[in-house]
Protein backbone atom coordinates (compact mmCIF):
# COMPACT_ATOMS: atom_id res chain seq x y z
CA MET A 1 27.29 11.94 3.80
CA ALA A 2 24.41 13.06 6.01
CA LEU A 3 22.56 14.39 2.96
CA SER A 4 22.69 11.04 1.18
CA LEU A 5 21.50 9.35 4.38
CA ILE A 6 18.50 11.70 4.55
CA ILE A 7 17.74 11.11 0.86
CA SER A 8 17.94 7.35 1.28
CA ARG A 9 15.67 7.56 4.31
CA ILE A 10 13.12 9.60 2.32
CA ASN A 11 13.29 7.11 -0.56
CA TYR A 12 12.86 4.23 1.90
CA SER A 13 9.75 5.82 3.41
CA LYS A 14 8.35 6.48 -0.06
CA VAL A 15 8.92 2.87 -1.09
CA MET A 16 7.33 1.60 2.13
CA ALA A 17 4.33 3.90 1.64
CA TRP A 18 3.96 2.68 -1.97
CA ILE A 19 4.18 -0.98 -0.93
CA SER A 20 1.65 -0.47 1.86
CA SER A 21 -0.74 1.37 -0.47
CA VAL A 22 -0.52 -1.41 -3.06
CA PHE A 23 -1.04 -4.01 -0.31
CA LEU A 24 -4.05 -2.13 1.06
CA ARG A 25 -5.53 -1.79 -2.42
CA LYS A 26 -5.23 -5.54 -3.03
CA ARG A 27 -6.70 -6.23 0.42
CA LEU A 28 -9.62 -3.89 -0.33
CA GLU A 29 -10.23 -5.63 -3.67
CA GLN A 30 -10.31 -9.00 -1.89
CA ILE A 31 -12.77 -7.65 0.69
CA ILE A 32 -14.98 -6.17 -2.06
CA VAL A 33 -14.90 -9.48 -3.96
CA ILE A 34 -15.93 -11.30 -0.77
CA ILE A 35 -18.70 -8.80 0.07
CA SER A 36 -20.11 -8.17 -3.43
CA PRO A 37 -21.79 -11.59 -3.96
CA THR A 38 -23.73 -11.18 -0.70
CA THR A 39 -24.78 -7.64 -1.62
CA TYR A 40 -26.10 -8.71 -5.03
CA ILE A 41 -28.28 -11.41 -3.51
């Protein structure tokens, strides 16, 4: 029982880390899209 709880906790942290990394990547792309027109000019 405790083992499955630990495994589910590890899977939860992995999922949260994956979601946060995807969110950060999209946020970075938005920031780059906002900054890039001003850098080209």
